């Protein structure tokens, strides 16, 4: 098993996901639910509600799904702390990791770098 290849504090490496997560109301929830749905091939509503209603706990469960899909090392507590301390960093890292592994052509927000 490996760790995330994208850095946790690499928020500004790609401006679009950062702007969506920071500037659009509900953008943080949408970006993470979109990323989770891309990985799991599912719907946006379940992951979206987890993040919006459960904040760091729901986000940690979504992050764990990304970890499981790509066999990334980690623990649910570590994921919860990541979303509690810097949720924008965590969501952007997840998005960039999925783009790196799946390819930006399968995502809605395109990578700029």
N, C-alpha and C. Protein backbone atom coordinates (compact mmCIF):
# COMPACT_ATOMS: atom_id res chain seq x y z
N UNK A 1 0.85 -1.19 0.00
CA UNK A 1 0.00 0.00 0.00
C UNK A 1 0.88 1.24 0.00
N UNK A 2 0.36 2.30 -0.55
CA UNK A 2 1.10 3.55 -0.69
C UNK A 2 0.36 4.67 0.03
N UNK A 3 0.97 5.85 0.02
CA UNK A 3 0.34 7.02 0.60
C UNK A 3 -0.12 7.92 -0.56
N UNK A 4 -0.83 8.99 -0.22
CA UNK A 4 -1.23 9.95 -1.25
C UNK A 4 0.01 10.47 -1.95
N UNK A 5 -0.04 10.56 -3.26
CA UNK A 5 1.08 11.09 -4.03
C UNK A 5 1.03 12.61 -4.12
N UNK A 6 -0.14 13.17 -3.96
CA UNK A 6 -0.30 14.63 -3.97
C UNK A 6 -0.06 15.17 -2.56
N UNK A 7 0.65 16.29 -2.42
CA UNK A 7 0.91 16.84 -1.09
C UNK A 7 -0.36 17.41 -0.45
N UNK A 8 -0.43 17.29 0.88
CA UNK A 8 -1.60 17.77 1.61
C UNK A 8 -1.76 19.29 1.49
N UNK A 9 -0.66 20.02 1.54
CA UNK A 9 -0.72 21.47 1.46
C UNK A 9 -0.49 21.99 0.03
N UNK A 10 -0.80 21.19 -0.96
CA UNK A 10 -0.65 21.59 -2.35
C UNK A 10 -1.90 22.22 -2.92
N UNK A 11 -2.61 22.97 -2.10
CA UNK A 11 -3.90 23.55 -2.49
C UNK A 11 -3.78 24.43 -3.73
N UNK A 12 -2.79 25.25 -3.79
CA UNK A 12 -2.68 26.23 -4.87
C UNK A 12 -2.04 25.66 -6.14
N UNK A 13 -1.73 24.38 -6.15
CA UNK A 13 -1.17 23.77 -7.35
C UNK A 13 -2.21 23.73 -8.47
N UNK A 14 -3.46 23.70 -8.12
CA UNK A 14 -4.54 23.68 -9.10
C UNK A 14 -5.60 24.67 -8.61
N UNK A 15 -5.77 25.76 -9.30
CA UNK A 15 -6.61 26.85 -8.82
C UNK A 15 -8.10 26.56 -8.88
N UNK A 16 -8.58 25.79 -9.87
CA UNK A 16 -10.01 25.58 -9.99
C UNK A 16 -10.62 24.84 -8.81
N UNK A 17 -10.10 23.68 -8.41
CA UNK A 17 -10.69 23.02 -7.23
C UNK A 17 -10.59 23.88 -5.97
N UNK A 18 -9.49 24.60 -5.83
CA UNK A 18 -9.32 25.48 -4.68
C UNK A 18 -10.38 26.57 -4.69
N UNK A 19 -10.61 27.17 -5.85
CA UNK A 19 -11.62 28.23 -5.96
C UNK A 19 -13.02 27.70 -5.69
N UNK A 20 -13.32 26.52 -6.22
CA UNK A 20 -14.64 25.92 -5.98
C UNK A 20 -14.84 25.66 -4.49
N UNK A 21 -13.85 25.06 -3.85
CA UNK A 21 -13.97 24.71 -2.44
C UNK A 21 -14.03 25.94 -1.54
N UNK A 22 -13.32 27.00 -1.91
CA UNK A 22 -13.25 28.19 -1.05
C UNK A 22 -14.34 29.23 -1.31
N UNK A 23 -14.67 29.46 -2.57
CA UNK A 23 -15.49 30.62 -2.91
C UNK A 23 -16.96 30.33 -3.17
N UNK A 24 -17.29 29.13 -3.57
CA UNK A 24 -18.68 28.81 -3.89
C UNK A 24 -19.35 28.21 -2.66
N UNK A 25 -20.50 28.75 -2.24
CA UNK A 25 -21.20 28.15 -1.10
C UNK A 25 -21.54 26.68 -1.40
N UNK A 26 -21.14 25.82 -0.51
CA UNK A 26 -21.34 24.39 -0.71
C UNK A 26 -20.32 23.75 -1.64
N UNK A 27 -19.35 24.54 -2.08
CA UNK A 27 -18.34 24.03 -3.01
C UNK A 27 -17.47 22.95 -2.41
N UNK A 28 -17.15 23.10 -1.14
CA UNK A 28 -16.36 22.08 -0.43
C UNK A 28 -17.09 20.74 -0.45
N UNK A 29 -18.37 20.78 -0.10
CA UNK A 29 -19.18 19.55 -0.09
C UNK A 29 -19.32 18.98 -1.49
N UNK A 30 -19.57 19.85 -2.46
CA UNK A 30 -19.75 19.38 -3.83
C UNK A 30 -18.47 18.75 -4.39
N UNK A 31 -17.33 19.40 -4.15
CA UNK A 31 -16.07 18.90 -4.71
C UNK A 31 -15.73 17.53 -4.13
N UNK A 32 -15.92 17.37 -2.82
CA UNK A 32 -15.59 16.07 -2.25
C UNK A 32 -16.58 15.00 -2.67
N UNK A 33 -17.85 15.32 -2.73
CA UNK A 33 -18.83 14.33 -3.14
C UNK A 33 -18.63 13.96 -4.61
N UNK A 34 -18.25 14.92 -5.44
CA UNK A 34 -17.97 14.65 -6.85
C UNK A 34 -16.76 13.72 -6.98
N UNK A 35 -15.72 13.99 -6.22
CA UNK A 35 -14.51 13.16 -6.25
C UNK A 35 -14.82 11.73 -5.80
N UNK A 36 -15.59 11.60 -4.73
CA UNK A 36 -15.96 10.27 -4.22
C UNK A 36 -16.83 9.54 -5.22
N UNK A 37 -17.75 10.24 -5.86
CA UNK A 37 -18.63 9.62 -6.85
C UNK A 37 -17.85 9.15 -8.07
N UNK A 38 -16.83 9.88 -8.47
CA UNK A 38 -16.00 9.48 -9.61
C UNK A 38 -15.29 8.17 -9.29
N UNK A 39 -14.76 8.07 -8.09
CA UNK A 39 -14.02 6.87 -7.68
C UNK A 39 -14.94 5.66 -7.57
N UNK A 40 -16.09 5.86 -6.95
CA UNK A 40 -17.00 4.75 -6.68
C UNK A 40 -18.03 4.52 -7.77
N UNK A 41 -18.08 5.39 -8.75
CA UNK A 41 -19.05 5.25 -9.83
C UNK A 41 -20.48 5.39 -9.34
N UNK A 42 -20.66 6.13 -8.27
CA UNK A 42 -21.98 6.27 -7.68
C UNK A 42 -22.59 7.64 -7.89
N UNK A 43 -23.52 7.95 -7.03
CA UNK A 43 -24.25 9.22 -7.10
C UNK A 43 -23.61 10.26 -6.19
N UNK A 44 -23.93 11.51 -6.44
CA UNK A 44 -23.40 12.60 -5.64
C UNK A 44 -24.12 12.78 -4.31
N UNK A 45 -25.38 12.41 -4.23
CA UNK A 45 -26.20 12.75 -3.07
C UNK A 45 -25.69 12.13 -1.77
N UNK A 46 -25.36 10.86 -1.77
CA UNK A 46 -24.90 10.20 -0.55
C UNK A 46 -23.64 10.84 0.02
N UNK A 47 -22.56 10.93 -0.78
CA UNK A 47 -21.36 11.59 -0.27
C UNK A 47 -21.58 13.05 0.08
N UNK A 48 -22.44 13.75 -0.69
CA UNK A 48 -22.72 15.16 -0.41
C UNK A 48 -23.36 15.32 0.96
N UNK A 49 -24.34 14.48 1.27
CA UNK A 49 -25.00 14.57 2.57
C UNK A 49 -24.07 14.19 3.71
N UNK A 50 -23.19 13.22 3.47
CA UNK A 50 -22.22 12.85 4.51
C UNK A 50 -21.36 14.03 4.89
N UNK A 51 -20.88 14.76 3.89
CA UNK A 51 -19.99 15.90 4.16
C UNK A 51 -20.77 17.05 4.79
N UNK A 52 -21.92 17.37 4.25
CA UNK A 52 -22.68 18.52 4.74
C UNK A 52 -23.25 18.30 6.14
N UNK A 53 -23.73 17.10 6.40
CA UNK A 53 -24.35 16.84 7.70
C UNK A 53 -23.37 16.32 8.74
N UNK A 54 -22.34 15.63 8.30
CA UNK A 54 -21.40 15.04 9.25
C UNK A 54 -20.07 15.73 9.30
N UNK A 55 -19.88 16.77 8.54
CA UNK A 55 -18.65 17.53 8.38
C UNK A 55 -17.42 16.63 8.37
N UNK A 56 -16.52 16.73 9.36
CA UNK A 56 -15.26 16.01 9.27
C UNK A 56 -15.44 14.50 9.37
N UNK A 57 -16.45 14.03 10.07
CA UNK A 57 -16.67 12.59 10.17
C UNK A 57 -17.19 12.05 8.84
N UNK A 58 -18.16 12.71 8.25
CA UNK A 58 -18.66 12.30 6.94
C UNK A 58 -17.60 12.41 5.87
N UNK A 59 -16.82 13.48 5.93
CA UNK A 59 -15.74 13.66 4.96
C UNK A 59 -14.68 12.58 5.12
N UNK A 60 -14.43 12.17 6.36
CA UNK A 60 -13.45 11.11 6.61
C UNK A 60 -13.92 9.78 6.00
N UNK A 61 -15.21 9.50 6.09
CA UNK A 61 -15.73 8.28 5.47
C UNK A 61 -15.59 8.34 3.95
N UNK A 62 -15.85 9.50 3.37
CA UNK A 62 -15.67 9.66 1.93
C UNK A 62 -14.21 9.49 1.55
N UNK A 63 -13.32 10.08 2.34
CA UNK A 63 -11.87 9.97 2.07
C UNK A 63 -11.42 8.51 2.18
N UNK A 64 -12.02 7.79 3.12
CA UNK A 64 -11.68 6.38 3.28
C UNK A 64 -12.07 5.57 2.04
N UNK A 65 -13.17 5.94 1.40
CA UNK A 65 -13.57 5.27 0.16
C UNK A 65 -12.53 5.49 -0.94
N UNK A 66 -11.97 6.70 -0.98
CA UNK A 66 -10.91 6.99 -1.95
C UNK A 66 -9.68 6.16 -1.61
N UNK A 67 -9.34 6.09 -0.32
CA UNK A 67 -8.20 5.28 0.11
C UNK A 67 -8.39 3.81 -0.28
N UNK A 68 -9.58 3.29 -0.04
CA UNK A 68 -9.86 1.89 -0.37
C UNK A 68 -9.76 1.62 -1.87
N UNK A 69 -10.24 2.55 -2.66
CA UNK A 69 -10.24 2.37 -4.12
C UNK A 69 -8.83 2.32 -4.69
N UNK A 70 -7.91 3.10 -4.11
CA UNK A 70 -6.56 3.18 -4.63
C UNK A 70 -5.52 2.50 -3.73
N UNK A 71 -5.99 1.76 -2.71
CA UNK A 71 -5.10 1.05 -1.78
C UNK A 71 -4.08 2.00 -1.14
N UNK A 72 -4.57 3.12 -0.63
CA UNK A 72 -3.73 4.12 0.02
C UNK A 72 -3.75 3.86 1.53
N UNK A 73 -2.57 3.90 2.14
CA UNK A 73 -2.47 3.71 3.59
C UNK A 73 -3.19 4.83 4.32
N UNK A 74 -3.65 4.55 5.52
CA UNK A 74 -4.27 5.58 6.34
C UNK A 74 -5.28 5.00 7.30
N UNK A 75 -5.87 5.88 8.07
CA UNK A 75 -6.84 5.48 9.08
C UNK A 75 -7.94 6.54 9.13
N UNK A 76 -9.12 6.11 9.51
CA UNK A 76 -10.28 7.01 9.55
C UNK A 76 -10.05 8.19 10.51
N UNK A 77 -9.32 7.95 11.59
CA UNK A 77 -9.03 9.04 12.55
C UNK A 77 -8.13 10.08 11.89
N UNK A 78 -7.13 9.62 11.18
CA UNK A 78 -6.22 10.54 10.47
C UNK A 78 -7.00 11.36 9.43
N UNK A 79 -7.94 10.71 8.75
CA UNK A 79 -8.76 11.41 7.77
C UNK A 79 -9.65 12.45 8.42
N UNK A 80 -10.21 12.10 9.57
CA UNK A 80 -11.07 13.03 10.30
C UNK A 80 -10.28 14.26 10.75
N UNK A 81 -9.08 14.04 11.26
CA UNK A 81 -8.22 15.14 11.69
C UNK A 81 -7.83 16.02 10.50
N UNK A 82 -7.54 15.40 9.36
CA UNK A 82 -7.18 16.18 8.17
C UNK A 82 -8.32 17.11 7.77
N UNK A 83 -9.55 16.61 7.80
CA UNK A 83 -10.70 17.45 7.41
C UNK A 83 -11.06 18.45 8.50
N UNK A 84 -10.71 18.17 9.72
CA UNK A 84 -10.97 19.10 10.81
C UNK A 84 -9.98 20.27 10.78
N UNK A 85 -8.70 19.98 10.53
CA UNK A 85 -7.66 21.01 10.57
C UNK A 85 -7.61 21.88 9.31
N UNK A 86 -7.72 21.25 8.15
CA UNK A 86 -7.68 22.02 6.90
C UNK A 86 -8.55 21.32 5.86
N UNK A 87 -9.86 21.55 5.93
CA UNK A 87 -10.75 20.84 5.01
C UNK A 87 -10.50 21.16 3.53
N UNK A 88 -10.11 22.39 3.23
CA UNK A 88 -9.83 22.75 1.84
C UNK A 88 -8.61 21.98 1.33
N UNK A 89 -7.60 21.87 2.17
CA UNK A 89 -6.40 21.10 1.80
C UNK A 89 -6.74 19.64 1.54
N UNK A 90 -7.56 19.06 2.41
CA UNK A 90 -7.92 17.65 2.28
C UNK A 90 -8.73 17.39 1.01
N UNK A 91 -9.71 18.23 0.75
CA UNK A 91 -10.56 18.04 -0.42
C UNK A 91 -9.77 18.23 -1.71
N UNK A 92 -8.92 19.24 -1.73
CA UNK A 92 -8.11 19.49 -2.92
C UNK A 92 -7.12 18.36 -3.15
N UNK A 93 -6.53 17.84 -2.08
CA UNK A 93 -5.62 16.71 -2.20
C UNK A 93 -6.34 15.49 -2.78
N UNK A 94 -7.53 15.21 -2.28
CA UNK A 94 -8.31 14.08 -2.78
C UNK A 94 -8.62 14.24 -4.27
N UNK A 95 -9.06 15.43 -4.64
CA UNK A 95 -9.39 15.68 -6.04
C UNK A 95 -8.18 15.49 -6.94
N UNK A 96 -7.06 16.07 -6.56
CA UNK A 96 -5.85 15.97 -7.38
C UNK A 96 -5.36 14.53 -7.45
N UNK A 97 -5.50 13.79 -6.37
CA UNK A 97 -5.08 12.38 -6.36
C UNK A 97 -5.93 11.56 -7.33
N UNK A 98 -7.22 11.80 -7.33
CA UNK A 98 -8.11 11.09 -8.25
C UNK A 98 -7.79 11.48 -9.69
N UNK A 99 -7.53 12.75 -9.94
CA UNK A 99 -7.15 13.17 -11.29
C UNK A 99 -5.85 12.51 -11.73
N UNK A 100 -4.92 12.40 -10.82
CA UNK A 100 -3.63 11.77 -11.13
C UNK A 100 -3.82 10.30 -11.48
N UNK A 101 -4.67 9.62 -10.74
CA UNK A 101 -4.80 8.17 -10.91
C UNK A 101 -5.80 7.77 -11.99
N UNK A 102 -6.87 8.52 -12.15
CA UNK A 102 -7.88 8.18 -13.14
C UNK A 102 -7.68 8.97 -14.42
N UNK A 103 -7.27 10.21 -14.28
CA UNK A 103 -7.08 11.08 -15.44
C UNK A 103 -8.08 12.21 -15.41
N UNK A 104 -7.66 13.42 -15.77
CA UNK A 104 -8.55 14.58 -15.69
C UNK A 104 -9.70 14.53 -16.68
N UNK A 105 -9.61 13.70 -17.71
CA UNK A 105 -10.69 13.64 -18.69
C UNK A 105 -11.97 13.05 -18.11
N UNK A 106 -11.86 12.31 -17.02
CA UNK A 106 -13.03 11.69 -16.41
C UNK A 106 -13.62 12.53 -15.28
N UNK A 107 -13.06 13.70 -15.05
CA UNK A 107 -13.53 14.57 -13.99
C UNK A 107 -14.21 15.79 -14.58
N UNK A 108 -15.03 16.44 -13.77
CA UNK A 108 -15.77 17.62 -14.23
C UNK A 108 -14.89 18.85 -14.23
N UNK A 109 -14.15 19.05 -13.15
CA UNK A 109 -13.24 20.18 -13.03
C UNK A 109 -11.90 19.73 -13.58
N UNK A 110 -11.36 20.43 -14.54
CA UNK A 110 -10.12 20.00 -15.16
C UNK A 110 -8.91 20.52 -14.40
N UNK A 111 -7.88 19.70 -14.36
CA UNK A 111 -6.62 20.13 -13.75
C UNK A 111 -5.97 21.15 -14.66
N UNK A 112 -5.30 22.12 -14.08
CA UNK A 112 -4.64 23.14 -14.88
C UNK A 112 -3.14 22.93 -14.93
N UNK A 113 -2.62 22.03 -14.11
CA UNK A 113 -1.16 21.81 -14.12
C UNK A 113 -0.84 20.38 -14.47
